[in-house]
Amino acid sequence: MASDNETQLKSLEVLEYKEETSWEDLGLDLDLLRGIYNYGLIIPRHVQHRAIPAILHGHDVIIDAPDMAGKTIALILSALQAIDISNPECQVLILVPVPDMVPKIHHKIQVLTQFMMQLITFECMSARSALPVHEVISRLRQGTQLIVSTPGRVYPHLLGHNSLRSDMIRIVMLDEVEEILSRGFETIVTDILAHLQQNVQLVLATPTLKGDPAIERILGRLKDLVHITQIS
């Protein structure tokens, strides 16, 4: 990684990590906690314990940890907790590199939100969706607070169909960011970010933070950055 970006990155021990740490320590809503325990998540993983408070405090965050470290769950829980239930507009985008990830995240969200008194509206979109475009547009305009999508699928709804209010999107999460960029989505991601508010919060999850030019350009957008790595 280039030295300029190395100086940006800072480590933040949001909370002291202990083996007996519980989900209750992270300030999550009770209904969401019920969903967490029903899903079988007994205690938070190290990166979840550090990432969730940092995200909820409004920091731009990089979660730099290997596969199976709990990065995606950290993104989902942070997104669900951050959403303002009273606002029906899209507030969070979770972008993934491949369509196969979309239904998996959809299932996780369904399980985690099943005990919420006020259900969060969400839409999971991929190139394999059977819904015609006009029906997706209609659903988005009716109100969708969280969207999970590949970059190419959500792109026209932000920049073409005007089915989403870009001024209401507060958080953009890039899961497996290095794969998103390696698959040629850098221009689309850049256009999406340029279309949103300048103060939009960015959260990146990656198993290997490499210093390639595409990653460097994304890092250049991050402010007040917290870099979270897997405990050794």
C-alpha atoms as a PDB file:
ATOM      1  CA  MET A   1       0.000   0.000   0.000  1.00  0.00           C
ATOM      2  CA  ALA A   2       1.281   3.441  -0.815  1.00  0.00           C
ATOM      3  CA  SER A   3       2.767   5.428   1.996  1.00  0.00           C
ATOM      4  CA  ASP A   4       0.188   8.233   1.627  1.00  0.00           C
ATOM      5  CA  ASN A   5      -2.635   5.856   2.389  1.00  0.00           C
ATOM      6  CA  GLU A   6      -0.678   4.143   5.121  1.00  0.00           C
ATOM      7  CA  THR A   7      -0.639   7.452   6.946  1.00  0.00           C
ATOM      8  CA  GLN A   8      -4.438   7.645   6.599  1.00  0.00           C
ATOM      9  CA  LEU A   9      -5.087   4.285   8.186  1.00  0.00           C
ATOM     10  CA  LYS A  10      -5.470   4.209  11.905  1.00  0.00           C
ATOM     11  CA  SER A  11      -6.300   1.369  14.204  1.00  0.00           C
ATOM     12  CA  LEU A  12      -9.026   1.953  16.740  1.00  0.00           C
ATOM     13  CA  GLU A  13      -9.775  -0.267  19.695  1.00  0.00           C
ATOM     14  CA  VAL A  14     -13.426   0.714  19.911  1.00  0.00           C
ATOM     15  CA  LEU A  15     -13.940  -1.547  22.890  1.00  0.00           C
ATOM     16  CA  GLU A  16     -11.523  -3.759  24.746  1.00  0.00           C
ATOM     17  CA  TYR A  17     -12.010  -7.206  23.274  1.00  0.00           C
ATOM     18  CA  LYS A  18     -12.553 -10.008  25.760  1.00  0.00           C
ATOM     19  CA  GLU A  19     -13.663 -13.568  25.196  1.00  0.00           C
ATOM     20  CA  GLU A  20     -16.754 -12.965  27.336  1.00  0.00           C
ATOM     21  CA  THR A  21     -17.870 -10.005  25.223  1.00  0.00           C
ATOM     22  CA  SER A  22     -21.584 -10.176  24.394  1.00  0.00           C
ATOM     23  CA  TRP A  23     -23.746  -8.749  21.639  1.00  0.00           C
ATOM     24  CA  GLU A  24     -25.412  -6.556  24.261  1.00  0.00           C
ATOM     25  CA  ASP A  25     -22.135  -4.638  24.616  1.00  0.00           C
ATOM     26  CA  LEU A  26     -22.509  -3.305  21.073  1.00  0.00           C
ATOM     27  CA  GLY A  27     -25.649  -1.248  21.692  1.00  0.00           C
ATOM     28  CA  LEU A  28     -27.906  -3.154  19.305  1.00  0.00           C
ATOM     29  CA  ASP A  29     -31.692  -3.024  19.570  1.00  0.00           C
ATOM     30  CA  LEU A  30     -33.385  -5.771  21.569  1.00  0.00           C
ATOM     31  CA  ASP A  31     -35.403  -7.049  18.597  1.00  0.00           C
ATOM     32  CA  LEU A  32     -32.214  -7.313  16.567  1.00  0.00           C
ATOM     33  CA  LEU A  33     -30.493  -9.135  19.422  1.00  0.00           C
ATOM     34  CA  ARG A  34     -33.282 -11.721  19.396  1.00  0.00           C
ATOM     35  CA  GLY A  35     -32.647 -12.291  15.713  1.00  0.00           C
ATOM     36  CA  ILE A  36     -28.910 -12.614  16.323  1.00  0.00           C
ATOM     37  CA  TYR A  37     -29.342 -15.303  18.966  1.00  0.00           C
ATOM     38  CA  ASN A  38     -31.986 -17.097  16.909  1.00  0.00           C
ATOM     39  CA  TYR A  39     -29.492 -17.204  14.041  1.00  0.00           C
ATOM     40  CA  GLY A  40     -27.103 -19.030  16.352  1.00  0.00           C
ATOM     41  CA  LEU A  41     -24.572 -16.248  16.874  1.00  0.00           C
ATOM     42  CA  ILE A  42     -23.596 -16.704  20.519  1.00  0.00           C
ATOM     43  CA  ILE A  43     -20.859 -14.086  20.908  1.00  0.00           C
ATOM     44  CA  PRO A  44     -19.471 -11.514  18.473  1.00  0.00           C
ATOM     45  CA  ARG A  45     -16.324 -12.329  16.561  1.00  0.00           C
ATOM     46  CA  HIS A  46     -13.336 -10.026  17.009  1.00  0.00           C
ATOM     47  CA  VAL A  47     -13.915  -8.007  13.832  1.00  0.00           C
ATOM     48  CA  GLN A  48     -17.648  -7.745  14.578  1.00  0.00           C
ATOM     49  CA  HIS A  49     -16.957  -6.455  18.068  1.00  0.00           C
ATOM     50  CA  ARG A  50     -14.692  -3.740  16.712  1.00  0.00           C
ATOM     51  CA  ALA A  51     -16.362  -2.920  13.403  1.00  0.00           C
ATOM     52  CA  ILE A  52     -19.983  -2.510  14.473  1.00  0.00           C
ATOM     53  CA  PRO A  53     -19.392   0.318  17.005  1.00  0.00           C
ATOM     54  CA  ALA A  54     -17.025   2.086  14.598  1.00  0.00           C
ATOM     55  CA  ILE A  55     -19.601   1.963  11.804  1.00  0.00           C
ATOM     56  CA  LEU A  56     -22.438   3.072  14.077  1.00  0.00           C
ATOM     57  CA  HIS A  57     -20.305   6.011  15.251  1.00  0.00           C
ATOM     58  CA  GLY A  58     -20.146   7.197  11.643  1.00  0.00           C
ATOM     59  CA  HIS A  59     -16.544   6.358  10.773  1.00  0.00           C
ATOM     60  CA  ASP A  60     -15.427   5.259   7.345  1.00  0.00           C
ATOM     61  CA  VAL A  61     -14.233   1.712   8.040  1.00  0.00           C
ATOM     62  CA  ILE A  62     -12.043  -0.923   6.408  1.00  0.00           C
ATOM     63  CA  ILE A  63     -12.512  -4.449   7.741  1.00  0.00           C
ATOM     64  CA  ASP A  64      -9.355  -6.262   6.682  1.00  0.00           C
ATOM     65  CA  ALA A  65      -9.782  -9.883   7.742  1.00  0.00           C
ATOM     66  CA  PRO A  66      -9.718 -13.350   6.166  1.00  0.00           C
ATOM     67  CA  ASP A  67     -12.717 -15.297   4.898  1.00  0.00           C
ATOM     68  CA  MET A  68     -15.019 -16.678   7.623  1.00  0.00           C
ATOM     69  CA  ALA A  69     -14.004 -13.916  10.065  1.00  0.00           C
ATOM     70  CA  GLY A  70     -17.556 -12.545  10.229  1.00  0.00           C
ATOM     71  CA  LYS A  71     -17.187  -9.495   7.983  1.00  0.00           C
ATOM     72  CA  THR A  72     -20.509  -9.803   6.149  1.00  0.00           C
ATOM     73  CA  ILE A  73     -22.505 -10.241   9.365  1.00  0.00           C
ATOM     74  CA  ALA A  74     -20.785  -7.127  10.733  1.00  0.00           C
ATOM     75  CA  LEU A  75     -21.937  -5.182   7.675  1.00  0.00           C
ATOM     76  CA  ILE A  76     -25.509  -6.488   7.851  1.00  0.00           C
ATOM     77  CA  LEU A  77     -25.961  -5.834  11.570  1.00  0.00           C
ATOM     78  CA  SER A  78     -24.487  -2.344  11.290  1.00  0.00           C
ATOM     79  CA  ALA A  79     -26.769  -1.564   8.361  1.00  0.00           C
ATOM     80  CA  LEU A  80     -29.886  -2.807  10.152  1.00  0.00           C
ATOM     81  CA  GLN A  81     -29.069  -0.882  13.322  1.00  0.00           C
ATOM     82  CA  ALA A  82     -28.234   2.331  11.444  1.00  0.00           C
ATOM     83  CA  ILE A  83     -31.478   2.532   9.478  1.00  0.00           C
ATOM     84  CA  ASP A  84     -34.016   5.126  10.573  1.00  0.00           C
ATOM     85  CA  ILE A  85     -37.269   3.157  10.580  1.00  0.00           C
ATOM     86  CA  SER A  86     -39.337   6.341  10.232  1.00  0.00           C
ATOM     87  CA  ASN A  87     -37.702   7.163   6.885  1.00  0.00           C
ATOM     88  CA  PRO A  88     -39.018   4.938   4.055  1.00  0.00           C
ATOM     89  CA  GLU A  89     -36.282   5.953   1.592  1.00  0.00           C
ATOM     90  CA  CYS A  90     -33.167   3.906   0.825  1.00  0.00           C
ATOM     91  CA  GLN A  91     -30.506   4.702   3.413  1.00  0.00           C
ATOM     92  CA  VAL A  92     -27.940   1.909   2.986  1.00  0.00           C
ATOM     93  CA  LEU A  93     -26.441   0.176  -0.050  1.00  0.00           C
ATOM     94  CA  ILE A  94     -24.580  -3.113   0.344  1.00  0.00           C
ATOM     95  CA  LEU A  95     -22.700  -3.837  -2.875  1.00  0.00           C
ATOM     96  CA  VAL A  96     -21.312  -7.291  -3.650  1.00  0.00           C
ATOM     97  CA  PRO A  97     -19.199  -8.579  -6.553  1.00  0.00           C
ATOM     98  CA  VAL A  98     -21.269 -11.548  -7.761  1.00  0.00           C
ATOM     99  CA  PRO A  99     -24.988 -12.438  -7.967  1.00  0.00           C
ATOM    100  CA  ASP A 100     -24.486 -15.589  -5.874  1.00  0.00           C
ATOM    101  CA  MET A 101     -23.860 -13.461  -2.776  1.00  0.00           C
ATOM    102  CA  VAL A 102     -27.181 -11.624  -3.029  1.00  0.00           C
ATOM    103  CA  PRO A 103     -29.582 -14.446  -1.965  1.00  0.00           C
ATOM    104  CA  LYS A 104     -27.213 -15.480   0.828  1.00  0.00           C
ATOM    105  CA  ILE A 105     -27.317 -11.996   2.315  1.00  0.00           C
ATOM    106  CA  HIS A 106     -31.083 -11.888   1.706  1.00  0.00           C
ATOM    107  CA  HIS A 107     -31.492 -15.006   3.854  1.00  0.00           C
ATOM    108  CA  LYS A 108     -29.341 -13.557   6.642  1.00  0.00           C
ATOM    109  CA  ILE A 109     -31.374 -10.353   6.703  1.00  0.00           C
ATOM    110  CA  GLN A 110     -34.654 -12.285   6.827  1.00  0.00           C
ATOM    111  CA  VAL A 111     -33.530 -14.314   9.843  1.00  0.00           C
ATOM    112  CA  LEU A 112     -31.965 -11.393  11.689  1.00  0.00           C
ATOM    113  CA  THR A 113     -34.998  -9.109  11.284  1.00  0.00           C
ATOM    114  CA  GLN A 114     -37.798 -11.595  11.993  1.00  0.00           C
ATOM    115  CA  PHE A 115     -38.390 -10.316  15.546  1.00  0.00           C
ATOM    116  CA  MET A 116     -38.392  -6.607  14.671  1.00  0.00           C
ATOM    117  CA  MET A 117     -41.673  -4.912  15.552  1.00  0.00           C
ATOM    118  CA  GLN A 118     -41.223  -2.458  12.674  1.00  0.00           C
ATOM    119  CA  LEU A 119     -39.843  -4.380   9.734  1.00  0.00           C
ATOM    120  CA  ILE A 120     -37.105  -2.848   7.633  1.00  0.00           C
ATOM    121  CA  THR A 121     -37.946  -2.824   3.944  1.00  0.00           C
ATOM    122  CA  PHE A 122     -35.170  -4.221   1.802  1.00  0.00           C
ATOM    123  CA  GLU A 123     -34.580  -5.278  -1.774  1.00  0.00           C
ATOM    124  CA  CYS A 124     -31.987  -7.766  -3.006  1.00  0.00           C
ATOM    125  CA  MET A 125     -31.155  -7.341  -6.673  1.00  0.00           C
ATOM    126  CA  SER A 126     -28.953  -9.292  -9.054  1.00  0.00           C
ATOM    127  CA  ALA A 127     -28.747 -10.011 -12.763  1.00  0.00           C
ATOM    128  CA  ARG A 128     -30.524 -13.311 -12.089  1.00  0.00           C
ATOM    129  CA  SER A 129     -33.649 -11.678 -10.722  1.00  0.00           C
ATOM    130  CA  ALA A 130     -36.823 -12.749 -12.506  1.00  0.00           C
ATOM    131  CA  LEU A 131     -38.576  -9.440 -11.819  1.00  0.00           C
ATOM    132  CA  PRO A 132     -39.020  -7.126 -14.816  1.00  0.00           C
ATOM    133  CA  VAL A 133     -37.383  -3.714 -14.535  1.00  0.00           C
ATOM    134  CA  HIS A 134     -40.670  -1.805 -14.280  1.00  0.00           C
ATOM    135  CA  GLU A 135     -41.720  -3.894 -11.272  1.00  0.00           C
ATOM    136  CA  VAL A 136     -38.382  -3.314  -9.532  1.00  0.00           C
ATOM    137  CA  ILE A 137     -38.745   0.427 -10.150  1.00  0.00           C
ATOM    138  CA  SER A 138     -42.248   0.370  -8.666  1.00  0.00           C
ATOM    139  CA  ARG A 139     -41.078  -1.489  -5.561  1.00  0.00           C
ATOM    140  CA  LEU A 140     -38.159   0.857  -5.016  1.00  0.00           C
ATOM    141  CA  ARG A 141     -40.346   3.932  -5.345  1.00  0.00           C
ATOM    142  CA  GLN A 142     -42.761   2.533  -2.770  1.00  0.00           C
ATOM    143  CA  GLY A 143     -39.925   2.593  -0.246  1.00  0.00           C
ATOM    144  CA  THR A 144     -36.898   0.373   0.255  1.00  0.00           C
ATOM    145  CA  GLN A 145     -34.631   1.254   3.173  1.00  0.00           C
ATOM    146  CA  LEU A 146     -31.821  -1.214   2.423  1.00  0.00           C
ATOM    147  CA  ILE A 147     -30.597  -2.515  -0.928  1.00  0.00           C
ATOM    148  CA  VAL A 148     -28.249  -5.443  -1.511  1.00  0.00           C
ATOM    149  CA  SER A 149     -27.027  -5.597  -5.083  1.00  0.00           C
ATOM    150  CA  THR A 150     -24.213  -6.025  -7.522  1.00  0.00           C
ATOM    151  CA  PRO A 151     -22.978  -2.584  -8.645  1.00  0.00           C
ATOM    152  CA  GLY A 152     -24.233  -2.987 -12.198  1.00  0.00           C
ATOM    153  CA  ARG A 153     -27.746  -3.897 -11.101  1.00  0.00           C
ATOM    154  CA  VAL A 154     -28.369  -0.907  -8.825  1.00  0.00           C
ATOM    155  CA  TYR A 155     -26.522   1.579 -11.055  1.00  0.00           C
ATOM    156  CA  PRO A 156     -29.401   2.415 -13.456  1.00  0.00           C
ATOM    157  CA  HIS A 157     -31.823   2.923 -10.577  1.00  0.00           C
ATOM    158  CA  LEU A 158     -29.597   5.673  -9.188  1.00  0.00           C
ATOM    159  CA  LEU A 159     -28.459   7.321 -12.400  1.00  0.00           C
ATOM    160  CA  GLY A 160     -31.147   6.453 -14.942  1.00  0.00           C
ATOM    161  CA  HIS A 161     -34.560   5.405 -13.660  1.00  0.00           C
ATOM    162  CA  ASN A 162     -34.546   7.839 -10.716  1.00  0.00           C
ATOM    163  CA  SER A 163     -36.209   5.163  -8.623  1.00  0.00           C
ATOM    164  CA  LEU A 164     -33.913   5.942  -5.677  1.00  0.00           C
ATOM    165  CA  ARG A 165     -33.286   9.236  -3.891  1.00  0.00           C
ATOM    166  CA  SER A 166     -29.523   9.585  -3.837  1.00  0.00           C
ATOM    167  CA  ASP A 167     -29.660  12.332  -1.209  1.00  0.00           C
ATOM    168  CA  MET A 168     -31.119   9.883   1.328  1.00  0.00           C
ATOM    169  CA  ILE A 169     -28.404   7.221   1.035  1.00  0.00           C
ATOM    170  CA  ARG A 170     -26.108   7.654   4.040  1.00  0.00           C
ATOM    171  CA  ILE A 171     -23.979   4.492   3.994  1.00  0.00           C
ATOM    172  CA  VAL A 172     -22.387   2.488   1.178  1.00  0.00           C
ATOM    173  CA  MET A 173     -20.849  -0.874   2.059  1.00  0.00           C
ATOM    174  CA  LEU A 174     -18.579  -2.740  -0.365  1.00  0.00           C
ATOM    175  CA  ASP A 175     -18.353  -6.399   0.618  1.00  0.00           C
ATOM    176  CA  GLU A 176     -15.325  -8.131  -0.935  1.00  0.00           C
ATOM    177  CA  VAL A 177     -14.218  -4.763  -2.301  1.00  0.00           C
ATOM    178  CA  GLU A 178     -11.099  -6.123  -4.003  1.00  0.00           C
ATOM    179  CA  GLU A 179     -13.221  -8.554  -6.028  1.00  0.00           C
ATOM    180  CA  ILE A 180     -15.724  -5.835  -6.909  1.00  0.00           C
ATOM    181  CA  LEU A 181     -12.885  -3.776  -8.368  1.00  0.00           C
ATOM    182  CA  SER A 182     -11.105  -6.701 -10.030  1.00  0.00           C
ATOM    183  CA  ARG A 183     -14.320  -7.556 -11.900  1.00  0.00           C
ATOM    184  CA  GLY A 184     -14.275  -4.175 -13.621  1.00  0.00           C
ATOM    185  CA  PHE A 185     -16.806  -2.327 -11.466  1.00  0.00           C
ATOM    186  CA  GLU A 186     -14.488   0.539 -10.477  1.00  0.00           C
ATOM    187  CA  THR A 187     -16.035   3.033 -12.912  1.00  0.00           C
ATOM    188  CA  ILE A 188     -19.572   2.109 -11.861  1.00  0.00           C
ATOM    189  CA  VAL A 189     -18.703   2.314  -8.155  1.00  0.00           C
ATOM    190  CA  THR A 190     -17.009   5.677  -8.713  1.00  0.00           C
ATOM    191  CA  ASP A 191     -20.065   6.979 -10.588  1.00  0.00           C
ATOM    192  CA  ILE A 192     -22.383   5.758  -7.836  1.00  0.00           C
ATOM    193  CA  LEU A 193     -20.322   7.483  -5.146  1.00  0.00           C
ATOM    194  CA  ALA A 194     -20.124  10.682  -7.199  1.00  0.00           C
ATOM    195  CA  HIS A 195     -23.928  10.700  -7.426  1.00  0.00           C
ATOM    196  CA  LEU A 196     -24.347  10.510  -3.640  1.00  0.00           C
ATOM    197  CA  GLN A 197     -23.817  13.111  -0.932  1.00  0.00           C
ATOM    198  CA  GLN A 198     -20.180  14.049  -0.301  1.00  0.00           C
ATOM    199  CA  ASN A 199     -20.447  12.997   3.330  1.00  0.00           C
ATOM    200  CA  VAL A 200     -21.706   9.477   2.553  1.00  0.00           C
ATOM    201  CA  GLN A 201     -20.160   6.924   4.921  1.00  0.00           C
ATOM    202  CA  LEU A 202     -18.076   4.178   3.286  1.00  0.00           C
ATOM    203  CA  VAL A 203     -17.433   0.719   4.713  1.00  0.00           C
ATOM    204  CA  LEU A 204     -15.097  -1.688   2.910  1.00  0.00           C
ATOM    205  CA  ALA A 205     -14.656  -5.378   3.692  1.00  0.00           C
ATOM    206  CA  THR A 206     -11.750  -7.335   2.252  1.00  0.00           C
ATOM    207  CA  PRO A 207      -9.776 -10.500   3.033  1.00  0.00           C
ATOM    208  CA  THR A 208      -6.574  -8.957   1.666  1.00  0.00           C
ATOM    209  CA  LEU A 209      -5.993  -5.218   1.560  1.00  0.00           C
ATOM    210  CA  LYS A 210      -3.672  -4.885  -1.419  1.00  0.00           C
ATOM    211  CA  GLY A 211      -1.993  -1.732  -2.645  1.00  0.00           C
ATOM    212  CA  ASP A 212      -3.256  -1.905  -6.227  1.00  0.00           C
ATOM    213  CA  PRO A 213      -4.270   1.351  -7.958  1.00  0.00           C
ATOM    214  CA  ALA A 214      -8.026   0.691  -7.850  1.00  0.00           C
ATOM    215  CA  ILE A 215      -7.956   0.113  -4.092  1.00  0.00           C
ATOM    216  CA  GLU A 216      -5.771   3.202  -3.655  1.00  0.00           C
ATOM    217  CA  ARG A 217      -8.297   5.355  -5.495  1.00  0.00           C
ATOM    218  CA  ILE A 218     -11.138   4.139  -3.284  1.00  0.00           C
ATOM    219  CA  LEU A 219      -9.018   4.703  -0.168  1.00  0.00           C
ATOM    220  CA  GLY A 220      -8.472   8.271  -1.301  1.00  0.00           C
ATOM    221  CA  ARG A 221     -12.183   8.923  -0.711  1.00  0.00           C
ATOM    222  CA  LEU A 222     -12.155   7.796   2.904  1.00  0.00           C
ATOM    223  CA  LYS A 223     -12.176  10.260   5.776  1.00  0.00           C
ATOM    224  CA  ASP A 224     -11.899   9.731   9.523  1.00  0.00           C
ATOM    225  CA  LEU A 225     -10.883   6.196   8.685  1.00  0.00           C
ATOM    226  CA  VAL A 226     -10.811   3.238  11.055  1.00  0.00           C
ATOM    227  CA  HIS A 227      -8.817   0.203   9.897  1.00  0.00           C
ATOM    228  CA  ILE A 228      -9.886  -3.039  11.578  1.00  0.00           C
ATOM    229  CA  THR A 229      -7.806  -6.175  11.195  1.00  0.00           C
ATOM    230  CA  GLN A 230      -8.275  -9.745  12.358  1.00  0.00           C
ATOM    231  CA  ILE A 231      -6.705 -10.443  15.740  1.00  0.00           C
ATOM    232  CA  SER A 232      -3.675 -12.717  15.428  1.00  0.00           C
END
